[in-house]
Amino acid sequence: MKTLSRQIFGLAAVSLFVASFASAQTPAPASAAEPELREEAMVRFEVISLPPLAARKALIKYSKEPELYQWLDSELEKKESGVVLETMQALRIRSGQRSKVESLDEHAYPTEFDPPQIPQTFGGNGPINTRNGSSFPVTPATPAAYTFRNLGFTGEVELTIGEDGKTVDLNLAPEIVRLTATVPHGIKGDVLQPVFQAQKATTQVIATLGQPALVCTVSPPVNTGAPGGNKSDRVWLLFVTVTIPG
């Protein structure tokens, strides 16, 4: 009787072990994947200009960017300070996404031309005779293809909010373009081509959420000799501030 009881107990223990092992090896039913949550942020671009000497003194005096920004902000309220807010743009994006904000005019200009044409007849009177020195009409070069150039501000940005929730990794490509002149070309000057001025940068920075970061200078070129070129020597400072929308 005791032997039979031991056999029954042993079989029960083996069955329990096999059931437990099988349960452990059986994968749990797959649950619906939860959507990845991405934090949003507001990126603010500000371009502030001031005379070169004033910019140099300010950068030396205010080595911490929040202090420099606070000083510039106070100077903007003064009419005679020489500090000017050139542009301000804002963009709301998701962390990990590359986005763009634009404030533009599209400028179309010709890139290909049909050559000038000399007519073989004039006024239905047969071939043109220029032996007497009389002038004859010439059809000027005609645009055959156009392209476009964006004028204004473009700000490309990709950001990743740090795991600490306090810092943000920024990949930036700001650009400012303006039309400075239209220059005539050709024998008679009937082919007009534009002259553009570009201020741009490509950079990566780590900033603190809620605090303005001085990214770079995007100052216009001075006295390059280009037609219609800039002659006013000013330093343009680009600040970027990232905040979490409430």
Protein backbone atom coordinates (compact mmCIF):
# COMPACT_ATOMS: atom_id res chain seq x y z
CA MET A 1 0.00 0.00 0.00
CA LYS A 2 2.81 2.38 0.87
CA THR A 3 4.56 1.53 -2.40
CA LEU A 4 1.42 2.36 -4.38
CA SER A 5 1.01 5.68 -2.57
CA ARG A 6 4.61 6.60 -3.33
CA GLN A 7 4.11 5.75 -7.01
CA ILE A 8 0.97 7.87 -7.22
CA PHE A 9 2.70 10.81 -5.46
CA GLY A 10 5.67 10.51 -7.81
CA LEU A 11 3.47 10.52 -10.89
CA ALA A 12 1.62 13.58 -9.62
CA ALA A 13 4.88 15.44 -8.99
CA VAL A 14 6.16 14.61 -12.51
CA SER A 15 2.88 15.74 -14.05
CA LEU A 16 3.03 19.03 -12.13
CA PHE A 17 6.65 19.62 -13.24
CA VAL A 18 5.82 18.89 -16.91
CA ALA A 19 2.81 21.22 -16.79
CA SER A 20 4.86 24.01 -15.20
CA PHE A 21 7.68 23.59 -17.77
CA ALA A 22 5.22 23.64 -20.68
CA SER A 23 3.54 26.73 -19.29
CA ALA A 24 6.90 28.50 -18.99
CA GLN A 25 7.83 27.61 -22.59
CA THR A 26 4.52 28.70 -24.10
CA PRO A 27 4.82 32.32 -25.32
CA ALA A 28 2.33 34.79 -23.94
CA PRO A 29 -0.24 36.02 -26.47
CA ALA A 30 1.06 39.12 -28.26
CA SER A 31 -0.61 42.28 -27.08
CA ALA A 32 -1.32 45.20 -29.33
CA ALA A 33 1.79 47.36 -29.66
CA GLU A 34 1.42 50.62 -27.83
CA PRO A 35 2.10 53.69 -29.97
CA GLU A 36 5.42 55.38 -29.27
CA LEU A 37 4.91 58.65 -27.48
CA ARG A 38 6.87 61.56 -28.86
CA GLU A 39 7.21 64.82 -27.00
CA GLU A 40 6.49 68.05 -28.81
CA ALA A 41 8.52 71.21 -28.52
CA MET A 42 8.27 74.83 -29.64
CA VAL A 43 11.35 76.19 -31.40
CA ARG A 44 11.74 79.97 -31.63
CA PHE A 45 14.23 81.58 -34.01
CA GLU A 46 15.28 85.18 -33.32
CA VAL A 47 17.78 87.23 -35.31
CA ILE A 48 19.00 90.35 -33.51
CA SER A 49 21.44 92.80 -35.11
CA LEU A 50 23.70 95.49 -33.65
CA PRO A 51 26.88 97.37 -34.62
CA PRO A 52 30.09 95.29 -34.65
CA LEU A 53 31.81 97.11 -31.78
CA ALA A 54 28.71 96.86 -29.58
CA ALA A 55 28.41 93.16 -30.44
CA ARG A 56 32.03 92.51 -29.49
CA LYS A 57 31.72 94.29 -26.15
CA ALA A 58 28.45 92.51 -25.34
CA LEU A 59 29.87 89.06 -26.13
CA ILE A 60 32.86 89.76 -23.86
CA LYS A 61 30.81 91.21 -21.01
CA TYR A 62 27.97 88.69 -21.06
CA SER A 63 29.66 85.31 -21.44
CA LYS A 64 26.51 83.45 -20.35
CA GLU A 65 23.93 83.34 -23.12
CA PRO A 66 20.83 84.00 -20.97
CA GLU A 67 22.48 87.18 -19.66
CA LEU A 68 23.42 88.29 -23.17
CA TYR A 69 19.88 87.63 -24.39
CA GLN A 70 18.40 89.53 -21.45
CA TRP A 71 20.62 92.53 -22.19
CA LEU A 72 19.68 92.50 -25.89
CA ASP A 73 16.01 92.22 -24.97
CA SER A 74 16.25 95.31 -22.78
CA GLU A 75 18.12 97.21 -25.52
CA LEU A 76 15.37 96.42 -28.02
CA GLU A 77 13.04 98.60 -25.97
CA LYS A 78 15.31 101.63 -26.46
CA LYS A 79 14.88 103.58 -29.71
CA GLU A 80 18.48 104.83 -29.90
CA SER A 81 20.25 101.63 -28.82
CA GLY A 82 21.06 100.45 -32.34
CA VAL A 83 19.77 96.96 -31.49
CA VAL A 84 17.19 95.66 -33.99
CA LEU A 85 15.04 92.52 -34.13
CA GLU A 86 15.50 91.49 -37.76
CA THR A 87 13.14 88.50 -37.76
CA MET A 88 11.36 86.12 -35.41
CA GLN A 89 9.88 82.75 -36.40
CA ALA A 90 8.38 79.92 -34.35
CA LEU A 91 7.85 76.25 -35.16
CA ARG A 92 6.16 73.47 -33.21
CA ILE A 93 7.60 70.01 -33.93
CA ARG A 94 7.90 66.50 -32.53
CA SER A 95 11.06 65.24 -30.95
CA GLY A 96 13.04 63.24 -33.49
CA GLN A 97 11.41 64.84 -36.52
CA ARG A 98 13.00 67.23 -39.05
CA SER A 99 10.82 70.22 -39.85
CA LYS A 100 11.01 73.56 -41.59
CA VAL A 101 9.58 77.06 -41.19
CA GLU A 102 9.66 79.51 -44.11
CA SER A 103 8.82 83.18 -44.60
CA LEU A 104 9.43 83.67 -48.32
CA ASP A 105 8.79 85.36 -51.62
CA GLU A 106 9.46 83.32 -54.76
CA HIS A 107 11.57 85.11 -57.35
CA ALA A 108 11.47 83.74 -60.89
CA TYR A 109 14.30 84.48 -63.31
CA PRO A 110 15.32 83.08 -66.71
CA THR A 111 18.17 80.59 -67.02
CA GLU A 112 17.98 79.74 -70.73
CA PHE A 113 17.40 82.03 -73.71
CA ASP A 114 16.59 81.73 -77.38
CA PRO A 115 19.20 83.77 -79.29
CA PRO A 116 18.37 87.12 -80.91
CA GLN A 117 16.80 86.89 -84.37
CA ILE A 118 17.37 89.17 -87.38
CA PRO A 119 14.24 89.29 -89.57
CA GLN A 120 14.77 88.61 -93.29
CA THR A 121 11.87 90.79 -94.39
CA PHE A 122 10.51 94.02 -93.03
CA GLY A 123 7.06 95.47 -93.59
CA GLY A 124 6.32 93.06 -96.46
CA ASN A 125 8.70 94.90 -98.82
CA GLY A 126 11.09 92.05 -99.43
CA PRO A 127 14.62 91.54 -98.15
CA ILE A 128 16.17 94.19 -95.92
CA ASN A 129 18.78 96.43 -97.58
CA THR A 130 21.21 98.02 -95.14
CA ARG A 131 23.70 99.39 -97.68
CA ASN A 132 22.44 102.91 -97.11
CA GLY A 133 23.25 102.60 -93.39
CA SER A 134 19.66 102.42 -92.23
CA SER A 135 18.96 100.42 -89.10
CA PHE A 136 16.80 97.31 -88.98
CA PRO A 137 14.84 95.66 -86.18
CA VAL A 138 16.34 92.82 -84.16
CA THR A 139 14.29 90.51 -82.00
CA PRO A 140 16.07 90.36 -78.60
CA ALA A 141 16.96 87.18 -76.74
CA THR A 142 13.82 85.50 -75.46
CA PRO A 143 13.68 83.58 -72.16
CA ALA A 144 13.14 79.88 -72.80
CA ALA A 145 13.37 78.43 -69.26
CA TYR A 146 12.92 79.79 -65.76
CA THR A 147 13.93 78.81 -62.25
CA PHE A 148 12.88 80.06 -58.82
CA ARG A 149 14.86 81.30 -55.84
CA ASN A 150 13.29 81.70 -52.41
CA LEU A 151 13.80 85.13 -50.85
CA GLY A 152 13.43 85.53 -47.10
CA PHE A 153 13.98 83.28 -44.07
CA THR A 154 14.15 79.48 -43.99
CA GLY A 155 14.78 77.56 -40.78
CA GLU A 156 15.29 73.79 -40.87
CA VAL A 157 15.53 72.04 -37.53
CA GLU A 158 15.66 68.53 -36.13
CA LEU A 159 15.58 68.10 -32.37
CA THR A 160 15.80 65.29 -29.87
CA ILE A 161 14.81 65.89 -26.27
CA GLY A 162 17.36 64.44 -23.84
CA GLU A 163 16.54 61.61 -21.45
CA ASP A 164 17.10 64.01 -18.56
CA GLY A 165 14.16 66.10 -19.80
CA LYS A 166 16.27 69.25 -19.50
CA THR A 167 18.46 69.34 -22.58
CA VAL A 168 17.76 69.16 -26.30
CA ASP A 169 20.00 68.14 -29.20
CA LEU A 170 19.47 70.45 -32.19
CA ASN A 171 20.43 70.01 -35.83
CA LEU A 172 19.95 73.41 -37.51
CA ALA A 173 20.17 74.88 -41.01
CA PRO A 174 19.00 78.53 -41.03
CA GLU A 175 19.19 80.63 -44.21
CA ILE A 176 18.35 84.22 -45.16
CA VAL A 177 18.34 85.21 -48.84
CA ARG A 178 17.58 88.56 -50.45
CA LEU A 179 17.70 90.03 -53.95
CA THR A 180 20.26 92.84 -54.15
CA ALA A 181 20.19 93.80 -57.83
CA THR A 182 19.26 92.86 -61.38
CA VAL A 183 22.20 93.16 -63.77
CA PRO A 184 21.85 93.56 -67.57
CA HIS A 185 23.87 91.23 -69.81
CA GLY A 186 24.26 90.85 -73.54
CA ILE A 187 25.23 93.27 -76.33
CA LYS A 188 22.25 95.52 -75.78
CA GLY A 189 21.73 94.69 -72.11
CA ASP A 190 18.43 92.98 -72.82
CA VAL A 191 19.27 89.88 -70.73
CA LEU A 192 18.68 90.59 -67.04
CA GLN A 193 20.14 88.37 -64.33
CA PRO A 194 19.61 88.65 -60.55
CA VAL A 195 22.23 89.05 -57.83
CA PHE A 196 21.40 87.30 -54.54
CA GLN A 197 22.79 87.71 -51.05
CA ALA A 198 22.78 84.65 -48.77
CA GLN A 199 23.34 84.34 -45.02
CA LYS A 200 23.26 80.75 -43.84
CA ALA A 201 24.71 78.20 -41.44
CA THR A 202 24.62 74.46 -40.75
CA THR A 203 25.35 73.38 -37.19
CA GLN A 204 24.53 71.04 -34.32
CA VAL A 205 24.18 72.29 -30.75
CA ILE A 206 22.98 71.08 -27.36
CA ALA A 207 20.75 73.58 -25.59
CA THR A 208 18.90 73.75 -22.31
CA LEU A 209 15.12 73.72 -22.47
CA GLY A 210 13.63 77.14 -21.80
CA GLN A 211 16.91 79.03 -22.20
CA PRO A 212 17.96 80.98 -25.32
CA ALA A 213 21.03 79.59 -27.08
CA LEU A 214 23.29 81.71 -29.28
CA VAL A 215 23.72 79.47 -32.32
CA CYS A 216 25.84 81.59 -34.67
CA THR A 217 26.17 84.88 -36.50
CA VAL A 218 24.34 85.23 -39.82
CA SER A 219 25.72 88.64 -40.72
CA PRO A 220 25.32 90.03 -44.26
CA PRO A 221 28.52 90.31 -46.32
CA VAL A 222 29.93 93.83 -46.50
CA ASN A 223 31.63 95.63 -49.42
CA THR A 224 32.07 92.55 -51.59
CA GLY A 225 31.74 94.60 -54.77
CA ALA A 226 28.60 92.79 -55.87
CA PRO A 227 26.01 95.02 -57.56
CA GLY A 228 23.58 96.31 -54.97
CA GLY A 229 25.61 94.67 -52.22
CA ASN A 230 25.27 95.50 -48.56
CA LYS A 231 27.31 98.44 -47.27
CA SER A 232 26.00 98.53 -43.70
CA ASP A 233 28.33 96.70 -41.33
CA ARG A 234 26.20 95.01 -38.65
CA VAL A 235 26.43 91.76 -36.71
CA TRP A 236 23.38 89.51 -36.84
CA LEU A 237 23.06 87.09 -33.90
CA LEU A 238 20.84 84.01 -34.23
CA PHE A 239 19.22 82.80 -31.01
CA VAL A 240 17.18 79.61 -30.72
CA THR A 241 14.94 78.89 -27.73
CA VAL A 242 13.21 75.53 -27.21
CA THR A 243 10.28 75.17 -24.84
CA ILE A 244 7.73 72.47 -24.07
CA PRO A 245 4.19 73.66 -24.88
CA GLY A 246 1.90 73.71 -21.88
